[in-house]
Every structure is written in structure tokens, then in C-alpha cells.
């Protein structure tokens, strides 16, 4: 008797949604990659968005889910994270740079890997550059469309270089003359915060990269803020909210050596940058360029809630431990309402580094 073959991609939408919503997080993110139909249904599932921590071991990742207080371990055979730099994330993907500039994208749930073009021809003779890349001196952003597989990767090193690559390109585009301090991507636009505190907007919707000048309200309004006595700036990053507002987020050392984050947005009518004390109920991962719109309640005392900034310890003013080459990189959470910092505990000595990401959020 012949078996009846079922086309699982045409499963009843309500039934499929019910199945997906009851899967574990790991299985859910694997299932949504089965086909375009399953992915479309997965986007309608009522699963909350909130920051997770990724803990890197030598050849595996530990994904800590703060809501369920669970850790998922995924083995990555043939991969050595010992000297890897995770410089950006989007949805379920990490942008990783290894020594000698081996660059690739990695799906933390399915282990799928996308190797990116070599930069060797662009950086010929720049031995110092090749040997000194670390996640603290690289600014990067990643955008990934899980349904189509399209992606955009951009990164800069110490504000001296800016490279961009889109799916389908044979090589990297070297955007010469743009000294990039930070960047963010939204709606086919790359927002570049330059070393002279200006914001350039690049249109990436076509085959060519075009700078938007007339339609850029920030073009003639450099970021400017008068520091109070005793305040010292450490880092400045650009971010874009879900509503399209551009923010400048600054980490600094304040009075009594207190480590802080300040947020600024520009008043469009006056062109002046003003400090704000809220993210409008959203959450920001410092340096990743976008905010998460879902209100997040405090989870198990971790302090991850609306109007918080998730960061890595080197995003703050450096202490003595910053200069220890073998130290374990830690995650922190800054509460804008109270200006207090929470440090989630990582007791596993085998963990090399830790980073923030938001599963399924692009």
C-alpha cells in the first residue's frame, strides 16, 4: 500500500500557529526556518521579545533566557570562539570577526553559517589593522531578513574604515572618506554617526549606495552637548527607534565617578539636541542601533524592563579590570529611571565572553 504524502507547508494556519506557540524557544526558531509559509505564520505567534544573553564557550554557545530562567547550549563543531569578536546581532544571527579577518554570520539556533568575502585585497599591507581587531574598537551593524535570506552587513574599525556588504555582492564596498563612529540600519537606510558628530544617511534600497542629503533633517545639525563639570565622555552611539526617531546614546563618567548613560534626540523645529530620560517604553542594546518596542516587565530580578539599556562592560568608563587581556566580558543593564546598574551573574568559569541579542527581532 502506497503512503500518502503530506505537504507540511500547507498545514492549516490556525493549527500550525498553535503548534509553533507551544514549542520551546529553540525548536520554535528552528521550525520557522522550514519554509516561507511556516516563517509567515511564526510572525503572528504571540511570543514576547526581550533581550537574551549569549555566553560563549570555546566551541559552543549558551543562550540564557531570562523569562524562563533557562540556558540552552548549542554545540558548534569546528568553530573556535576563543579569539572571536561578536560585533553585531540581528534576529537569530551574529556577525563574527576572527583573527586575520575571517568574517561570517552565524545562526545561533540552527548553526547555519554564511561566510563573508575576504578583506585581504582591501587591506593589503595593513598588518597592524589585521592583528588588532577587538570587539571594543569595532563598530558594526547587521540586518537580516529571515524570510528571504537577504542581509546587510556594515562595520568600521577605530573610525578609519567603513565597509559594507549586501547579499549577492561579490566583495565589500569600501566607503572611503566616511569616518564612522557608530551606525544603525532601518528601512533600507544606514544611519552613520561620524567622528565630527554629524549624521549621514545612506540609501541602500537600490544597487548603488546613495547619500540622502535633501531628505536628511540631521545634515546641518551636528550633535552637541555641554558637559557638566566632572563629566567625561567614553562612547557615543547612534540608534533608531521603531517610530524612526534618531537617538544619540552616550556613556560617560559623572560626578563621584558614577558611570552613566545619557540619551539625546533632536528637536526638528529648532535643530537642537536635547537630553531625554526615557526610551518611550522601549529597550535599547547599546551599540546595536535599534530599540525593542515590546514593553518588558522585570524578569526574575534581572532588571530587564522598559526604558533600560543593555550593555557590555567595556561600553562603560573603563576600570582597572578593562586592561586585563584574559578577563571575562560581562553584561549589564542600566535603568534610566533610577540611573542604577544591574550585573547579571555568570558563575561558569568556562564562559569566555557574553553579549546581548533579541531572538527573532529584526
Protein backbone atom coordinates (compact mmCIF):
# COMPACT_ATOMS: atom_id res chain seq x y z
CA UNK A 1 0.00 0.00 0.00
CA UNK A 2 1.47 3.35 -1.00
CA UNK A 3 1.92 6.05 1.62
CA UNK A 4 0.07 9.33 1.35
CA UNK A 5 2.47 12.26 1.19
CA UNK A 6 1.53 15.42 3.03
CA UNK A 7 2.69 18.90 2.11
CA UNK A 8 3.52 20.19 5.57
CA UNK A 9 3.98 23.71 4.21
CA UNK A 10 0.22 23.82 3.57
CA UNK A 11 -0.77 22.90 7.11
CA UNK A 12 -3.85 24.75 8.40
CA UNK A 13 -2.71 28.17 9.62
CA UNK A 14 -4.54 28.01 12.97
CA UNK A 15 -3.21 24.52 13.68
CA UNK A 16 0.34 25.48 12.70
CA UNK A 17 0.20 28.59 14.87
CA UNK A 18 -0.99 26.53 17.82
CA UNK A 19 1.89 24.08 17.32
CA UNK A 20 4.51 26.82 16.98
CA UNK A 21 3.32 28.72 20.04
CA UNK A 22 3.75 25.63 22.20
CA UNK A 23 7.27 24.79 21.06
CA UNK A 24 10.31 25.50 23.16
CA UNK A 25 12.23 28.60 22.10
CA UNK A 26 14.97 26.56 20.47
CA UNK A 27 12.52 24.41 18.48
CA UNK A 28 10.41 27.45 17.57
CA UNK A 29 13.32 29.26 15.93
CA UNK A 30 14.35 26.10 14.09
CA UNK A 31 10.80 25.46 12.88
CA UNK A 32 10.38 28.96 11.44
CA UNK A 33 13.24 28.24 9.01
CA UNK A 34 11.48 25.20 7.47
CA UNK A 35 9.77 27.17 4.68
CA UNK A 36 8.37 30.61 3.88
CA UNK A 37 4.86 29.52 4.91
CA UNK A 38 5.99 28.44 8.38
CA UNK A 39 8.01 31.62 8.77
CA UNK A 40 5.00 33.79 7.87
CA UNK A 41 2.83 32.03 10.45
CA UNK A 42 5.59 32.30 13.07
CA UNK A 43 5.50 36.09 12.81
CA UNK A 44 1.89 36.03 14.06
CA UNK A 45 2.69 33.94 17.13
CA UNK A 46 2.29 35.61 20.50
CA UNK A 47 5.86 35.26 21.70
CA UNK A 48 7.32 38.19 23.68
CA UNK A 49 10.50 39.97 22.60
CA UNK A 50 13.17 40.70 25.18
CA UNK A 51 16.97 40.64 25.39
CA UNK A 52 18.77 37.37 25.98
CA UNK A 53 22.38 36.83 26.90
CA UNK A 54 24.72 34.77 24.74
CA UNK A 55 27.54 33.17 26.69
CA UNK A 56 30.44 31.94 24.55
CA UNK A 57 32.46 28.87 25.37
CA UNK A 58 35.33 27.64 23.23
CA UNK A 59 33.14 25.69 20.77
CA UNK A 60 29.57 26.21 21.98
CA UNK A 61 27.09 28.92 22.84
CA UNK A 62 24.97 29.15 25.96
CA UNK A 63 21.74 31.07 25.36
CA UNK A 64 20.26 32.36 28.60
CA UNK A 65 16.52 33.05 28.53
CA UNK A 66 15.78 35.37 31.49
CA UNK A 67 11.99 34.89 31.38
CA UNK A 68 12.10 31.10 31.66
CA UNK A 69 15.37 31.18 33.63
CA UNK A 70 16.78 28.51 31.33
CA UNK A 71 20.05 28.08 29.48
CA UNK A 72 20.19 26.39 26.07
CA UNK A 73 23.55 25.05 24.93
CA UNK A 74 24.33 24.66 21.22
CA UNK A 75 27.48 22.93 20.00
CA UNK A 76 29.28 24.45 17.01
CA UNK A 77 31.66 21.72 15.77
CA UNK A 78 34.78 23.06 14.06
CA UNK A 79 34.29 26.55 15.49
CA UNK A 80 36.68 28.11 17.99
CA UNK A 81 35.29 31.16 19.77
CA UNK A 82 38.45 31.72 21.83
CA UNK A 83 39.59 34.73 19.80
CA UNK A 84 36.33 35.61 18.06
CA UNK A 85 34.68 39.04 18.24
CA UNK A 86 30.87 39.16 18.18
CA UNK A 87 30.35 42.69 16.90
CA UNK A 88 26.63 42.81 15.97
CA UNK A 89 23.43 40.75 16.00
CA UNK A 90 20.05 40.73 14.30
CA UNK A 91 17.19 38.31 14.85
CA UNK A 92 18.90 34.93 15.38
CA UNK A 93 22.16 35.86 13.68
CA UNK A 94 25.55 37.02 14.95
CA UNK A 95 28.17 38.91 12.98
CA UNK A 96 31.55 37.45 13.96
CA UNK A 97 35.10 38.55 13.17
CA UNK A 98 38.00 36.18 13.75
CA UNK A 99 41.78 36.80 13.70
CA UNK A 100 43.23 37.51 10.26
CA UNK A 101 39.83 38.99 9.35
CA UNK A 102 37.79 35.88 8.73
CA UNK A 103 34.24 37.27 8.80
CA UNK A 104 30.98 35.31 8.89
CA UNK A 105 27.36 35.27 10.04
CA UNK A 106 26.16 32.55 12.41
CA UNK A 107 22.61 31.45 13.28
CA UNK A 108 22.68 30.66 16.99
CA UNK A 109 19.77 28.20 16.79
CA UNK A 110 20.36 26.32 13.52
CA UNK A 111 24.20 26.70 13.40
CA UNK A 112 23.90 27.83 9.77
CA UNK A 113 26.96 29.81 8.74
CA UNK A 114 27.34 32.41 5.97
CA UNK A 115 30.95 33.16 5.09
CA UNK A 116 31.54 36.77 4.05
CA UNK A 117 34.04 37.91 1.38
CA UNK A 118 37.67 38.36 2.31
CA UNK A 119 39.04 41.82 3.02
CA UNK A 120 42.61 40.85 2.22
CA UNK A 121 42.84 42.77 -1.07
CA UNK A 122 41.41 45.94 0.51
CA UNK A 123 43.76 45.86 3.49
CA UNK A 124 46.95 44.65 1.83
CA UNK A 125 49.94 45.67 3.91
CA UNK A 126 47.89 46.79 6.91
CA UNK A 127 49.32 44.20 9.30
CA UNK A 128 48.65 46.29 12.38
CA UNK A 129 44.97 46.52 11.47
CA UNK A 130 44.64 42.79 10.86
CA UNK A 131 46.24 41.77 14.14
CA UNK A 132 44.47 44.18 16.50
CA UNK A 133 40.75 43.83 15.83
CA UNK A 134 38.73 43.53 19.05
CA UNK A 135 35.06 43.98 19.76
CA UNK A 136 35.84 47.15 21.73
CA UNK A 137 37.35 49.01 18.75
CA UNK A 138 34.90 47.86 16.07
CA UNK A 139 31.53 49.45 15.34
CA UNK A 140 29.14 47.30 13.30
CA UNK A 141 25.54 46.62 12.41
CA UNK A 142 23.70 43.70 10.85
CA UNK A 143 20.26 43.41 9.29
CA UNK A 144 18.83 40.04 8.31
CA UNK A 145 15.51 39.16 6.63
CA UNK A 146 14.80 35.63 7.91
CA UNK A 147 12.13 35.00 5.27
CA UNK A 148 14.13 35.92 2.16
CA UNK A 149 17.66 35.46 3.47
CA UNK A 150 18.63 39.00 2.41
CA UNK A 151 21.14 40.70 4.66
CA UNK A 152 23.24 43.84 5.03
CA UNK A 153 26.50 43.98 6.99
CA UNK A 154 28.46 47.14 7.77
CA UNK A 155 31.42 47.72 10.07
CA UNK A 156 34.21 50.16 10.81
CA UNK A 157 37.48 49.99 12.71
CA UNK A 158 38.58 52.84 15.01
CA UNK A 159 36.65 55.31 12.81
CA UNK A 160 39.22 54.92 9.99
CA UNK A 161 37.39 52.48 7.70
CA UNK A 162 33.78 51.79 6.75
CA UNK A 163 32.95 48.60 4.85
CA UNK A 164 29.54 47.46 3.61
CA UNK A 165 28.34 44.20 2.07
CA UNK A 166 24.89 43.07 0.89
CA UNK A 167 23.74 39.61 -0.07
CA UNK A 168 24.62 38.97 -3.70
CA UNK A 169 27.68 41.24 -3.74
CA UNK A 170 30.99 39.64 -4.67
CA UNK A 171 33.06 41.82 -2.38
CA UNK A 172 32.99 44.54 0.25
CA UNK A 173 32.29 48.16 -0.62
CA UNK A 174 34.85 50.48 0.93
CA UNK A 175 33.05 53.74 1.73
CA UNK A 176 36.10 55.97 1.68
CA UNK A 177 36.02 59.37 3.29
CA UNK A 178 33.38 58.47 5.92
CA UNK A 179 34.95 58.34 9.39
CA UNK A 180 32.32 56.27 11.15
CA UNK A 181 31.95 56.31 14.92
CA UNK A 182 28.71 54.31 15.02
CA UNK A 183 25.89 53.18 12.74
CA UNK A 184 22.32 51.91 12.70
CA UNK A 185 20.15 50.33 9.99
CA UNK A 186 16.41 50.72 9.45
CA UNK A 187 14.12 50.55 6.41
CA UNK A 188 16.94 50.23 3.84
CA UNK A 189 18.76 53.23 5.29
CA UNK A 190 22.13 53.22 7.04
CA UNK A 191 22.49 55.99 9.62
CA UNK A 192 26.18 56.80 10.10
CA UNK A 193 27.31 58.84 13.10
CA UNK A 194 30.65 60.32 12.04
CA UNK A 195 33.72 61.35 14.01
CA UNK A 196 32.76 65.04 13.69
CA UNK A 197 29.38 64.31 15.36
CA UNK A 198 27.36 64.55 12.14
CA UNK A 199 24.74 62.05 10.94
CA UNK A 200 24.87 60.86 7.35
CA UNK A 201 22.02 58.79 5.89
CA UNK A 202 22.82 56.30 3.12
CA UNK A 203 20.08 54.82 0.90
CA UNK A 204 20.70 51.09 0.38
CA UNK A 205 17.43 50.26 -1.38
CA UNK A 206 18.99 50.05 -4.86
CA UNK A 207 22.06 48.53 -6.42
CA UNK A 208 24.06 51.69 -5.75
CA UNK A 209 24.69 53.35 -2.40
CA UNK A 210 23.42 56.93 -2.41
CA UNK A 211 23.75 59.52 0.33
CA UNK A 212 20.48 61.24 1.23
CA UNK A 213 21.15 64.96 1.58
CA UNK A 214 17.94 66.93 0.99
CA UNK A 215 15.84 64.45 2.94
CA UNK A 216 18.21 64.24 5.90
CA UNK A 217 16.94 66.54 8.70
CA UNK A 218 20.17 65.97 10.67
CA UNK A 219 22.53 67.02 7.87
CA UNK A 220 23.20 70.54 9.13
CA UNK A 221 22.74 69.88 12.84
CA UNK A 222 25.75 68.24 14.45
CA UNK A 223 25.27 66.61 17.80
CA UNK A 224 26.31 68.99 20.54
CA UNK A 225 26.03 68.74 24.31
CA UNK A 226 27.67 70.79 27.05
CA UNK A 227 29.14 68.55 29.72
CA UNK A 228 28.84 69.46 33.36
CA UNK A 229 31.96 69.87 35.43
CA UNK A 230 33.34 66.45 36.36
CA UNK A 231 31.64 64.63 33.44
CA UNK A 232 33.80 62.76 30.91
CA UNK A 233 32.52 61.01 27.77
CA UNK A 234 33.57 57.45 26.96
CA UNK A 235 31.46 56.40 23.93
CA UNK A 236 28.77 57.83 21.64
CA UNK A 237 26.43 55.62 19.60
CA UNK A 238 23.55 56.25 17.20
CA UNK A 239 20.24 54.39 17.43
CA UNK A 240 16.90 54.49 15.61
CA UNK A 241 13.59 53.87 17.38
CA UNK A 242 10.70 51.89 15.92
CA UNK A 243 8.99 55.17 15.04
CA UNK A 244 12.06 56.31 13.11
CA UNK A 245 13.47 58.83 15.59
CA UNK A 246 17.25 59.08 15.63
CA UNK A 247 18.91 58.99 19.06
CA UNK A 248 22.44 59.60 20.26
CA UNK A 249 23.29 57.44 23.26
CA UNK A 250 26.32 58.42 25.28
CA UNK A 251 28.20 56.55 28.02
CA UNK A 252 30.17 58.67 30.43
CA UNK A 253 31.66 59.05 33.87
CA UNK A 254 29.76 61.52 36.02
CA UNK A 255 30.21 63.00 39.46
CA UNK A 256 31.64 60.77 42.19
CA UNK A 257 32.98 58.51 39.42
CA UNK A 258 29.44 57.28 38.67
CA UNK A 259 29.08 55.50 35.33
CA UNK A 260 26.08 56.68 33.34
CA UNK A 261 24.22 56.62 30.03
CA UNK A 262 22.59 59.74 28.55
CA UNK A 263 20.10 59.76 25.64
CA UNK A 264 19.56 62.67 23.23
CA UNK A 265 17.20 63.38 20.37
CA UNK A 266 16.97 66.37 18.07
CA UNK A 267 14.11 68.84 18.12
CA UNK A 268 13.29 69.01 14.40
CA UNK A 269 11.99 72.59 14.56
CA UNK A 270 14.96 74.13 16.40
CA UNK A 271 17.63 71.68 15.24
CA UNK A 272 18.92 71.42 18.81
CA UNK A 273 19.81 68.16 20.52
CA UNK A 274 18.04 67.70 23.84
CA UNK A 275 18.56 65.15 26.58
CA UNK A 276 15.63 62.83 27.29
CA UNK A 277 15.08 60.49 30.23
CA UNK A 278 13.06 57.78 28.52
CA UNK A 279 13.06 55.44 25.55
CA UNK A 280 9.29 55.71 25.27
CA UNK A 281 8.77 52.33 26.89
CA UNK A 282 11.32 50.61 24.66
CA UNK A 283 14.61 48.88 25.40
CA UNK A 284 17.97 49.51 23.78
CA UNK A 285 21.02 47.30 23.30
CA UNK A 286 23.89 49.80 23.34
CA UNK A 287 25.71 49.88 20.02
CA UNK A 288 23.24 47.64 18.16
CA UNK A 289 21.40 50.59 16.66
CA UNK A 290 17.71 49.76 17.19
CA UNK A 291 15.26 49.67 20.06
CA UNK A 292 12.90 46.83 21.03
CA UNK A 293 9.33 48.05 21.10
CA UNK A 294 7.73 45.43 23.39
CA UNK A 295 7.29 46.64 26.98
CA UNK A 296 9.36 44.34 29.14
CA UNK A 297 8.48 43.64 32.74
CA UNK A 298 11.17 42.96 35.28
CA UNK A 299 12.20 39.34 34.96
CA UNK A 300 13.47 37.37 37.96
CA UNK A 301 15.18 40.42 39.41
CA UNK A 302 17.33 40.81 36.31
CA UNK A 303 16.13 44.38 35.84
CA UNK A 304 15.33 43.96 32.13
CA UNK A 305 12.35 46.22 31.69
CA UNK A 306 11.14 49.14 29.61
CA UNK A 307 13.43 52.19 29.49
CA UNK A 308 16.55 50.14 30.11
CA UNK A 309 19.86 49.98 28.24
CA UNK A 310 21.55 46.60 27.90
CA UNK A 311 25.31 46.90 27.51
CA UNK A 312 28.70 45.15 27.72
CA UNK A 313 31.11 46.17 30.47
CA UNK A 314 33.57 47.83 28.07
CA UNK A 315 30.76 50.19 26.96
CA UNK A 316 31.25 51.98 30.28
CA UNK A 317 34.15 54.09 31.51
CA UNK A 318 36.98 51.57 31.94
CA UNK A 319 38.12 50.39 35.34
CA UNK A 320 41.32 48.53 36.16
CA UNK A 321 39.79 45.22 35.02
CA UNK A 322 39.32 46.62 31.48
CA UNK A 323 43.04 46.24 30.77
CA UNK A 324 43.22 42.57 31.79
CA UNK A 325 43.54 40.64 28.48
CA UNK A 326 42.20 37.40 29.95
CA UNK A 327 39.16 38.82 31.71
CA UNK A 328 35.62 37.58 31.27
CA UNK A 329 33.41 40.15 29.47
CA UNK A 330 30.19 40.78 31.40
CA UNK A 331 26.71 42.04 30.54
CA UNK A 332 24.99 44.85 32.41
CA UNK A 333 21.60 46.61 32.48
CA UNK A 334 21.20 50.36 33.07
CA UNK A 335 17.83 51.59 34.37
CA UNK A 336 17.15 55.08 33.00
CA UNK A 337 14.58 55.89 35.69
CA UNK A 338 16.94 55.27 38.61
CA UNK A 339 20.39 55.56 36.90
CA UNK A 340 21.32 52.25 38.52
CA UNK A 341 23.18 49.28 37.04
CA UNK A 342 22.40 45.59 37.46
CA UNK A 343 25.04 42.95 36.69
CA UNK A 344 23.55 39.51 35.88
CA UNK A 345 25.73 36.83 37.45
CA UNK A 346 27.73 34.41 35.29
CA UNK A 347 29.39 31.85 37.56
CA UNK A 348 30.52 29.44 34.82
CA UNK A 349 34.32 29.75 34.59
CA UNK A 350 34.32 28.19 31.10
CA UNK A 351 32.44 31.19 29.65
CA UNK A 352 34.77 33.42 27.62
CA UNK A 353 32.51 36.35 26.77
CA UNK A 354 28.88 37.38 26.94
CA UNK A 355 26.69 39.53 24.67
CA UNK A 356 23.08 40.66 24.27
CA UNK A 357 20.68 39.80 21.48
CA UNK A 358 16.90 39.63 20.90
CA UNK A 359 15.82 36.33 19.27
CA UNK A 360 13.57 36.76 16.24
CA UNK A 361 13.74 40.56 16.22
CA UNK A 362 14.89 42.35 13.07
